[in-house]
Amino acid sequence: MQNRELITNEDLDEVILKKEFVEVWVNGAIAEKAVLIESYTNEAIKVSDGYYLRANCTIIKPGKKKVLSMFEGR
């Protein structure tokens, strides 16, 4: 599964409801890794360490990494 950018209010509602960790990116650099979104408005997103303006950040839901078995591919 690939990383997914969260754009809509529905996207944000989903990760809040499921208590899924997200990454916050600002200006192409990661600002927060593995944080929960606590709440949001049309202007800002609140995570445990503070607030980010929605216009200035990108919220990413990391994709699941596949764990390879030592027997896979034999």
C-alpha atoms as a PDB file:
ATOM      1  CA  MET A   1       0.000   0.000   0.000  1.00  0.00           C
ATOM      2  CA  GLN A   2       1.284   3.454  -0.907  1.00  0.00           C
ATOM      3  CA  ASN A   3       1.420   6.583   1.196  1.00  0.00           C
ATOM      4  CA  ARG A   4      -1.788   8.578   0.852  1.00  0.00           C
ATOM      5  CA  GLU A   5      -2.180  12.343   1.115  1.00  0.00           C
ATOM      6  CA  LEU A   6      -5.132  13.331   3.291  1.00  0.00           C
ATOM      7  CA  ILE A   7      -6.942  16.261   1.728  1.00  0.00           C
ATOM      8  CA  THR A   8     -10.638  16.196   2.519  1.00  0.00           C
ATOM      9  CA  ASN A   9     -12.454  16.487   5.834  1.00  0.00           C
ATOM     10  CA  GLU A  10     -13.613  12.906   5.270  1.00  0.00           C
ATOM     11  CA  ASP A  11      -9.976  11.769   5.020  1.00  0.00           C
ATOM     12  CA  LEU A  12      -9.199  13.466   8.329  1.00  0.00           C
ATOM     13  CA  ASP A  13     -12.346  12.106  10.001  1.00  0.00           C
ATOM     14  CA  GLU A  14     -11.331   8.582   8.997  1.00  0.00           C
ATOM     15  CA  VAL A  15      -7.856   8.710  10.580  1.00  0.00           C
ATOM     16  CA  ILE A  16      -9.234  10.377  13.717  1.00  0.00           C
ATOM     17  CA  LEU A  17     -11.931   7.722  14.094  1.00  0.00           C
ATOM     18  CA  LYS A  18      -9.511   4.842  13.484  1.00  0.00           C
ATOM     19  CA  LYS A  19      -6.757   6.485  15.584  1.00  0.00           C
ATOM     20  CA  GLU A  20      -4.262   6.058  12.762  1.00  0.00           C
ATOM     21  CA  PHE A  21      -0.851   7.689  12.846  1.00  0.00           C
ATOM     22  CA  VAL A  22       0.025  10.281  10.213  1.00  0.00           C
ATOM     23  CA  GLU A  23       3.017  12.317   9.112  1.00  0.00           C
ATOM     24  CA  VAL A  24       2.987  16.110   8.820  1.00  0.00           C
ATOM     25  CA  TRP A  25       5.127  17.646   6.076  1.00  0.00           C
ATOM     26  CA  VAL A  26       5.965  21.357   5.765  1.00  0.00           C
ATOM     27  CA  ASN A  27       7.881  22.797   2.803  1.00  0.00           C
ATOM     28  CA  GLY A  28       8.850  19.328   1.589  1.00  0.00           C
ATOM     29  CA  ALA A  29      10.370  18.252   4.915  1.00  0.00           C
ATOM     30  CA  ILE A  30       8.869  16.031   7.581  1.00  0.00           C
ATOM     31  CA  ALA A  31       7.809  18.043  10.621  1.00  0.00           C
ATOM     32  CA  GLU A  32       6.047  15.308  12.611  1.00  0.00           C
ATOM     33  CA  LYS A  33       6.230  11.541  12.286  1.00  0.00           C
ATOM     34  CA  ALA A  34       3.730   9.058  13.760  1.00  0.00           C
ATOM     35  CA  VAL A  35       1.345  11.561  15.348  1.00  0.00           C
ATOM     36  CA  LEU A  36      -2.399  11.400  15.881  1.00  0.00           C
ATOM     37  CA  ILE A  37      -4.695  14.144  14.650  1.00  0.00           C
ATOM     38  CA  GLU A  38      -6.740  15.364  17.598  1.00  0.00           C
ATOM     39  CA  SER A  39      -9.023  17.767  15.739  1.00  0.00           C
ATOM     40  CA  TYR A  40      -9.183  20.131  12.788  1.00  0.00           C
ATOM     41  CA  THR A  41     -10.950  23.153  11.354  1.00  0.00           C
ATOM     42  CA  ASN A  42     -11.026  24.487   7.809  1.00  0.00           C
ATOM     43  CA  GLU A  43      -7.885  26.474   8.657  1.00  0.00           C
ATOM     44  CA  ALA A  44      -5.811  24.285  10.999  1.00  0.00           C
ATOM     45  CA  ILE A  45      -5.028  20.754  12.118  1.00  0.00           C
ATOM     46  CA  LYS A  46      -4.244  19.968  15.767  1.00  0.00           C
ATOM     47  CA  VAL A  47      -1.810  17.171  16.537  1.00  0.00           C
ATOM     48  CA  SER A  48      -0.356  16.271  19.925  1.00  0.00           C
ATOM     49  CA  ASP A  49       2.594  18.661  19.542  1.00  0.00           C
ATOM     50  CA  GLY A  50       0.720  21.697  18.246  1.00  0.00           C
ATOM     51  CA  TYR A  51      -1.191  23.188  15.349  1.00  0.00           C
ATOM     52  CA  TYR A  52      -0.479  23.363  11.621  1.00  0.00           C
ATOM     53  CA  LEU A  53      -2.185  25.600   9.094  1.00  0.00           C
ATOM     54  CA  ARG A  54      -3.817  23.383   6.482  1.00  0.00           C
ATOM     55  CA  ALA A  55      -2.646  25.686   3.692  1.00  0.00           C
ATOM     56  CA  ASN A  56       0.998  25.267   4.786  1.00  0.00           C
ATOM     57  CA  CYS A  57       1.257  21.541   5.414  1.00  0.00           C
ATOM     58  CA  THR A  58       0.676  18.150   3.853  1.00  0.00           C
ATOM     59  CA  ILE A  59      -0.770  15.310   5.907  1.00  0.00           C
ATOM     60  CA  ILE A  60       0.318  11.835   4.838  1.00  0.00           C
ATOM     61  CA  LYS A  61      -1.070   8.495   5.942  1.00  0.00           C
ATOM     62  CA  PRO A  62       1.907   6.149   5.560  1.00  0.00           C
ATOM     63  CA  GLY A  63       1.338   2.947   3.641  1.00  0.00           C
ATOM     64  CA  LYS A  64       1.770  -0.365   5.364  1.00  0.00           C
ATOM     65  CA  LYS A  65       5.124  -1.961   4.844  1.00  0.00           C
ATOM     66  CA  LYS A  66       5.119  -5.557   3.678  1.00  0.00           C
ATOM     67  CA  VAL A  67       6.970  -7.900   5.997  1.00  0.00           C
ATOM     68  CA  LEU A  68       8.738 -10.638   4.094  1.00  0.00           C
ATOM     69  CA  SER A  69       8.787 -14.123   5.488  1.00  0.00           C
ATOM     70  CA  MET A  70      12.072 -15.982   5.449  1.00  0.00           C
ATOM     71  CA  PHE A  71      10.215 -18.689   3.512  1.00  0.00           C
ATOM     72  CA  GLU A  72       8.743 -16.343   0.905  1.00  0.00           C
ATOM     73  CA  GLY A  73      10.030 -16.803  -2.607  1.00  0.00           C
ATOM     74  CA  ARG A  74      11.288 -20.356  -2.083  1.00  0.00           C
END
